[in-house]
Each structure stands twice: as structure tokens, then as C-alpha cells.
N, C-alpha and C. Protein backbone atom coordinates (compact mmCIF):
# COMPACT_ATOMS: atom_id res chain seq x y z
N MET A 1 104.84 118.66 67.26
CA MET A 1 103.93 117.75 67.19
C MET A 1 102.94 117.91 68.32
N ILE A 2 101.77 117.85 67.81
CA ILE A 2 100.48 118.01 68.32
C ILE A 2 99.69 116.62 68.78
N GLN A 3 99.43 116.51 69.78
CA GLN A 3 98.84 115.65 70.29
C GLN A 3 97.53 116.05 70.86
N ARG A 4 96.16 115.33 70.72
CA ARG A 4 95.17 115.84 70.94
C ARG A 4 94.52 114.52 72.05
N HIS A 5 94.22 115.07 73.13
CA HIS A 5 93.65 113.95 74.15
C HIS A 5 92.02 114.50 74.42
N PHE A 6 91.15 113.51 74.58
CA PHE A 6 89.95 113.41 75.22
C PHE A 6 89.00 114.20 74.70
N PRO A 7 88.67 113.93 73.21
CA PRO A 7 87.73 114.53 72.25
C PRO A 7 86.67 114.87 72.88
N THR A 8 85.58 115.73 72.71
CA THR A 8 84.05 116.15 73.06
C THR A 8 83.76 116.39 71.75
N ARG A 9 82.47 116.75 71.77
CA ARG A 9 81.72 117.06 70.55
C ARG A 9 82.28 118.33 69.76
N ILE A 10 82.79 119.33 70.85
CA ILE A 10 83.20 120.73 70.52
C ILE A 10 84.46 121.07 70.36
N ASN A 11 85.54 120.05 71.29
CA ASN A 11 86.98 120.53 71.19
C ASN A 11 87.47 118.93 71.53
N HIS A 12 88.76 119.16 72.18
CA HIS A 12 89.67 118.11 72.76
C HIS A 12 89.61 118.71 74.21
N ARG A 13 89.60 117.71 75.26
CA ARG A 13 90.08 118.56 76.59
C ARG A 13 91.37 119.03 76.78
N ILE A 14 92.41 118.38 76.34
CA ILE A 14 93.78 118.51 76.31
C ILE A 14 94.51 118.72 75.08
N VAL A 15 94.88 119.78 74.43
CA VAL A 15 95.99 119.58 73.45
C VAL A 15 97.49 119.89 73.95
N GLU A 16 98.23 119.13 73.18
CA GLU A 16 99.65 119.14 73.93
C GLU A 16 100.51 119.50 72.66
N ALA A 17 101.26 120.44 72.82
CA ALA A 17 102.25 121.07 72.03
C ALA A 17 103.21 121.70 72.44
N GLY A 18 104.64 121.32 72.28
CA GLY A 18 105.82 121.74 72.48
C GLY A 18 105.98 121.38 74.05
N GLY A 19 105.57 120.15 74.40
CA GLY A 19 105.69 119.90 75.63
C GLY A 19 104.68 120.51 76.58
N ILE A 20 103.94 121.14 76.21
CA ILE A 20 102.74 122.04 77.23
C ILE A 20 101.18 121.14 76.90
N LEU A 21 100.57 121.06 78.06
CA LEU A 21 99.28 120.49 77.96
C LEU A 21 98.43 121.63 78.17
N HIS A 22 97.77 122.04 77.19
CA HIS A 22 96.60 123.25 77.31
C HIS A 22 95.22 122.59 77.43
N PHE A 23 94.58 122.71 78.44
CA PHE A 23 93.25 122.40 78.74
C PHE A 23 92.18 123.30 78.32
N GLY A 24 90.97 122.80 77.88
CA GLY A 24 89.91 123.62 77.42
C GLY A 24 89.38 123.76 79.05
N GLY A 25 88.67 124.89 78.72
CA GLY A 25 87.62 125.27 79.98
C GLY A 25 87.04 124.26 80.68
N LEU A 26 87.02 124.08 81.94
CA LEU A 26 86.61 123.07 82.94
C LEU A 26 85.37 123.65 83.88
N ILE A 27 84.18 123.13 83.79
CA ILE A 27 83.02 123.60 84.87
C ILE A 27 82.95 122.35 85.99
N ALA A 28 82.11 122.71 86.97
CA ALA A 28 81.65 121.61 87.83
C ALA A 28 80.65 120.77 87.24
N ASP A 29 80.37 119.48 87.75
CA ASP A 29 79.42 118.77 87.51
C ASP A 29 78.23 118.96 88.34
N ASP A 30 78.34 119.23 89.58
CA ASP A 30 77.10 119.94 90.45
C ASP A 30 77.29 121.06 90.52
N LEU A 31 76.30 121.77 89.72
CA LEU A 31 76.07 123.19 89.91
C LEU A 31 75.21 123.60 90.66
N THR A 32 74.87 123.23 91.89
CA THR A 32 74.18 123.40 92.75
C THR A 32 74.78 123.81 94.03
N GLN A 33 76.27 123.70 93.88
CA GLN A 33 77.35 124.11 95.03
C GLN A 33 77.57 125.44 94.89
N ASP A 34 78.10 126.31 95.71
CA ASP A 34 78.67 127.69 95.78
C ASP A 34 80.02 127.42 95.11
N MET A 35 80.63 128.44 94.84
CA MET A 35 81.90 128.77 94.20
C MET A 35 82.71 127.81 94.66
N LYS A 36 83.12 127.88 95.87
CA LYS A 36 84.02 127.23 96.45
C LYS A 36 83.59 125.38 96.37
N GLY A 37 82.61 125.08 96.40
CA GLY A 37 82.03 123.82 96.00
C GLY A 37 82.51 123.32 94.34
N GLN A 38 82.09 124.59 93.58
CA GLN A 38 82.61 124.26 92.23
C GLN A 38 83.81 124.12 91.87
N THR A 39 84.55 124.74 92.72
CA THR A 39 85.81 125.22 92.13
C THR A 39 86.50 123.71 92.49
N ALA A 40 86.22 123.17 93.89
CA ALA A 40 86.66 122.09 94.30
C ALA A 40 86.52 120.77 93.43
N GLN A 41 85.28 120.80 92.75
CA GLN A 41 85.16 119.91 91.81
C GLN A 41 85.95 120.07 90.44
N ILE A 42 86.16 121.07 89.89
CA ILE A 42 87.06 121.54 89.04
C ILE A 42 88.58 120.93 89.30
N CYS A 43 89.00 121.48 90.40
CA CYS A 43 90.38 120.95 90.99
C CYS A 43 90.24 119.44 90.77
N ALA A 44 89.28 118.73 91.20
CA ALA A 44 89.31 117.03 91.36
C ALA A 44 89.73 116.57 89.86
N LYS A 45 88.78 117.29 88.80
CA LYS A 45 88.72 117.06 87.42
C LYS A 45 90.38 117.16 86.77
N ILE A 46 90.98 118.29 87.27
CA ILE A 46 92.21 118.80 87.03
C ILE A 46 92.96 117.51 87.16
N ASP A 47 92.96 117.22 88.25
CA ASP A 47 93.73 116.21 88.77
C ASP A 47 93.80 114.84 87.98
N LYS A 48 92.50 114.67 87.71
CA LYS A 48 92.30 113.10 87.17
C LYS A 48 92.89 113.29 85.74
N LEU A 49 92.40 114.26 84.79
CA LEU A 49 92.87 114.60 83.47
C LEU A 49 94.62 114.53 83.80
N LEU A 50 95.09 115.48 84.51
CA LEU A 50 96.71 115.73 84.69
C LEU A 50 97.03 114.39 84.70
N ALA A 51 96.73 113.32 85.69
CA ALA A 51 96.99 112.09 85.67
C ALA A 51 97.11 110.94 84.60
N GLU A 52 95.82 111.56 83.74
CA GLU A 52 95.80 110.07 82.47
C GLU A 52 96.76 110.62 81.43
N VAL A 53 97.37 111.74 81.58
CA VAL A 53 98.12 112.15 80.50
C VAL A 53 99.89 112.33 81.02
N GLY A 54 100.00 111.80 82.18
CA GLY A 54 101.27 111.70 83.03
C GLY A 54 101.62 113.08 83.67
N SER A 55 101.00 113.63 83.93
CA SER A 55 101.48 114.84 84.90
C SER A 55 100.96 115.14 86.02
N SER A 56 100.91 116.22 86.69
CA SER A 56 100.07 116.37 87.91
C SER A 56 99.99 118.09 88.39
N LYS A 57 99.39 118.31 89.70
CA LYS A 57 99.00 119.80 89.69
C LYS A 57 100.40 120.25 90.10
N GLU A 58 101.25 119.75 90.42
CA GLU A 58 102.64 120.53 90.83
C GLU A 58 103.42 121.10 89.58
N LYS A 59 102.92 120.55 88.46
CA LYS A 59 103.59 120.89 87.24
C LYS A 59 102.59 121.88 86.26
N LEU A 60 101.46 122.42 87.03
CA LEU A 60 100.73 123.59 86.59
C LEU A 60 101.68 125.04 85.99
N VAL A 61 101.54 125.55 84.93
CA VAL A 61 102.28 126.72 84.54
C VAL A 61 101.43 127.69 84.63
N THR A 62 100.12 127.75 84.55
CA THR A 62 99.41 129.09 84.27
C THR A 62 97.93 128.63 84.33
N ALA A 63 97.33 129.54 85.03
CA ALA A 63 95.57 129.55 85.15
C ALA A 63 94.72 130.50 84.90
N MET A 64 93.69 130.55 84.41
CA MET A 64 92.72 131.54 84.20
C MET A 64 91.40 131.02 84.82
N LEU A 65 91.11 131.65 85.81
CA LEU A 65 89.49 131.30 86.49
C LEU A 65 88.72 132.51 86.11
N TYR A 66 87.53 132.19 85.36
CA TYR A 66 86.54 133.05 84.92
C TYR A 66 85.42 132.64 86.06
N ILE A 67 85.13 133.76 86.53
CA ILE A 67 84.10 133.77 87.86
C ILE A 67 82.80 134.91 87.39
N THR A 68 81.59 134.37 87.67
CA THR A 68 80.60 135.05 87.59
C THR A 68 80.16 136.26 88.85
N ASP A 69 80.79 135.74 90.19
CA ASP A 69 80.35 136.63 91.38
C ASP A 69 81.57 136.96 92.15
N PHE A 70 82.08 138.09 92.31
CA PHE A 70 83.26 138.42 92.92
C PHE A 70 83.11 138.13 94.45
N ASP A 71 81.86 138.13 94.58
CA ASP A 71 81.68 138.31 96.17
C ASP A 71 81.78 136.76 96.56
N GLN A 72 82.21 135.87 95.94
CA GLN A 72 82.28 134.35 96.31
C GLN A 72 83.72 134.04 96.18
N LYS A 73 84.57 135.15 95.81
CA LYS A 73 85.89 134.76 95.22
C LYS A 73 86.98 134.13 96.37
N GLU A 74 86.47 134.61 97.49
CA GLU A 74 87.35 134.20 98.71
C GLU A 74 86.90 132.59 98.85
N GLY A 75 85.76 132.32 98.75
CA GLY A 75 85.69 130.83 98.41
C GLY A 75 86.36 129.87 97.59
N MET A 76 86.49 130.36 96.40
CA MET A 76 87.17 130.00 95.29
C MET A 76 88.73 130.03 95.76
N ASN A 77 88.98 130.92 96.37
CA ASN A 77 90.53 130.80 96.87
C ASN A 77 90.70 130.08 97.82
N GLU A 78 89.80 129.66 98.91
CA GLU A 78 90.11 128.86 99.68
C GLU A 78 90.15 127.38 99.18
N ALA A 79 88.97 127.20 98.17
CA ALA A 79 89.27 125.84 97.50
C ALA A 79 90.47 125.48 96.93
N TRP A 80 90.77 126.68 96.11
CA TRP A 80 92.14 126.55 95.54
C TRP A 80 93.39 126.50 96.27
N LEU A 81 93.63 126.89 97.34
CA LEU A 81 94.66 126.93 98.03
C LEU A 81 94.52 125.56 98.92
N GLU A 82 93.67 125.13 99.11
CA GLU A 82 93.42 123.82 99.94
C GLU A 82 93.94 122.57 98.94
N TRP A 83 93.87 122.96 97.58
CA TRP A 83 94.38 121.84 96.44
C TRP A 83 95.54 122.13 96.23
N LEU A 84 96.07 123.28 96.06
CA LEU A 84 97.43 123.41 95.50
C LEU A 84 98.48 123.56 96.51
N PRO A 85 99.52 122.89 96.32
CA PRO A 85 100.81 123.15 97.60
C PRO A 85 101.41 124.57 97.37
N ALA A 86 101.47 125.16 98.28
CA ALA A 86 101.97 126.33 98.21
C ALA A 86 103.45 126.45 97.41
N GLY A 87 104.26 125.77 97.47
CA GLY A 87 105.52 125.78 96.58
C GLY A 87 105.03 125.69 94.93
N HIS A 88 104.06 125.21 94.52
CA HIS A 88 103.80 125.08 93.23
C HIS A 88 102.57 125.83 92.66
N LEU A 89 102.41 127.02 93.28
CA LEU A 89 101.04 127.84 92.35
C LEU A 89 101.54 128.15 91.10
N PRO A 90 100.84 128.16 90.07
CA PRO A 90 100.84 128.72 88.82
C PRO A 90 100.78 130.10 88.65
N THR A 91 101.11 130.75 87.48
CA THR A 91 100.40 132.08 87.60
C THR A 91 99.06 131.90 87.43
N ARG A 92 98.35 133.04 87.78
CA ARG A 92 96.69 132.95 87.63
C ARG A 92 96.36 134.28 87.35
N ALA A 93 95.43 134.42 86.63
CA ALA A 93 94.38 135.42 86.61
C ALA A 93 92.95 135.02 86.97
N THR A 94 92.32 136.05 87.54
CA THR A 94 90.81 135.77 87.68
C THR A 94 90.03 136.78 87.30
N ILE A 95 89.13 136.35 86.16
CA ILE A 95 88.66 137.52 85.32
C ILE A 95 87.22 137.22 85.86
N GLY A 96 86.46 138.32 85.93
CA GLY A 96 85.03 138.63 86.18
C GLY A 96 84.03 138.43 84.73
N VAL A 97 83.23 137.52 84.55
CA VAL A 97 82.36 137.81 83.48
C VAL A 97 80.94 137.68 83.91
N ALA A 98 80.02 138.05 82.78
CA ALA A 98 78.46 138.12 83.19
C ALA A 98 77.90 136.70 83.20
N GLU A 99 77.97 135.91 82.28
CA GLU A 99 77.73 134.72 82.40
C GLU A 99 78.47 133.65 81.78
N LEU A 100 78.38 132.48 82.58
CA LEU A 100 78.98 131.15 82.01
C LEU A 100 77.87 130.04 81.45
N GLY A 101 76.70 130.03 81.85
CA GLY A 101 75.73 129.01 81.57
C GLY A 101 74.71 128.97 82.99
N LYS A 102 73.93 128.56 82.81
CA LYS A 102 73.09 128.32 83.86
C LYS A 102 73.43 127.62 85.00
N GLY A 103 73.69 128.22 86.23
CA GLY A 103 74.27 127.44 87.46
C GLY A 103 75.83 127.56 87.48
N VAL A 104 76.38 127.96 86.45
CA VAL A 104 77.93 127.87 86.41
C VAL A 104 78.26 129.03 86.86
N LEU A 105 79.34 129.05 87.94
CA LEU A 105 79.84 130.36 88.83
C LEU A 105 81.19 130.26 88.45
N ILE A 106 81.82 129.30 87.80
CA ILE A 106 83.20 129.34 87.64
C ILE A 106 83.67 128.44 86.36
N GLU A 107 84.72 128.79 85.66
CA GLU A 107 85.37 127.71 84.47
C GLU A 107 86.56 128.02 84.86
N ILE A 108 87.40 127.15 84.83
CA ILE A 108 88.92 127.32 84.88
C ILE A 108 89.51 126.48 83.69
N VAL A 109 90.54 127.48 82.85
CA VAL A 109 91.53 126.98 82.09
C VAL A 109 92.97 126.82 82.40
N VAL A 110 93.76 125.49 82.45
CA VAL A 110 94.97 125.54 82.94
C VAL A 110 96.13 125.02 81.60
N SER A 111 97.26 125.42 81.92
CA SER A 111 98.52 124.68 81.15
C SER A 111 99.20 124.35 81.97
N ALA A 112 100.03 123.13 81.66
CA ALA A 112 100.97 122.46 82.44
C ALA A 112 101.87 121.86 81.41
N VAL A 113 103.13 121.06 82.15
CA VAL A 113 103.75 120.42 81.53
C VAL A 113 103.66 119.16 81.85
N ARG A 114 104.35 118.10 81.04
CA ARG A 114 104.02 116.70 81.18
C ARG A 114 105.34 116.60 82.34
């Protein structure tokens, strides 16, 4: 069975299938922040959405982080590690992209279990 949560104009924020919660890409609300600040904002969004569907960051399975500036990667890593408990890190890939939209430095896609 497939369940869809939080519709937007172009997608659902989360689609659940086979017990896995698949998130669409999330970006920060305050795009004036550096990559560390944007990462922290996205992590807070993920926390909120996970809680609303009965899960938590400790149940993350995988993450893909799309970034536009590898010179700011260490700040992204700092925010990521401040947010996630060391024993609950998901698999992760960081992918460099040329553009994510005006002011967007990072977009994060995750999957978790309920």
C-alpha cells in the first residue's frame, strides 16, 4: 500500500511504501544563510516532518545531499553531525550540482522507516 503525505503543487513531501518513508527534496526557508545555516534549517524541517508521520531522525536509512559549493562542505558536515546522533548516521552521498535555484546552497533527500 502507498500512502502520500503533505501534498504540494508538484509533489507530496513524503510517500510511504513498504514501510519506508521517502522524502522529496527539502531546502531551507532562509536562503541568506550559509550552507551550515541552510543545512540546520533543513534538518529541523526533517525532524518536524518525521514526527508528524510517527518517525524520528534515529530511523533515517539513507540521505542524499545536493550542494552547490564544496568549499562550504565542512559547514554542512558540522550542522549534520550536530543534528544526528553518532550511532544513528544513515548512509549518505554528497553530490555536487551547478545550480539548485537562486540562493539555494543545499537540498536534502532522505528515506526513513516508521
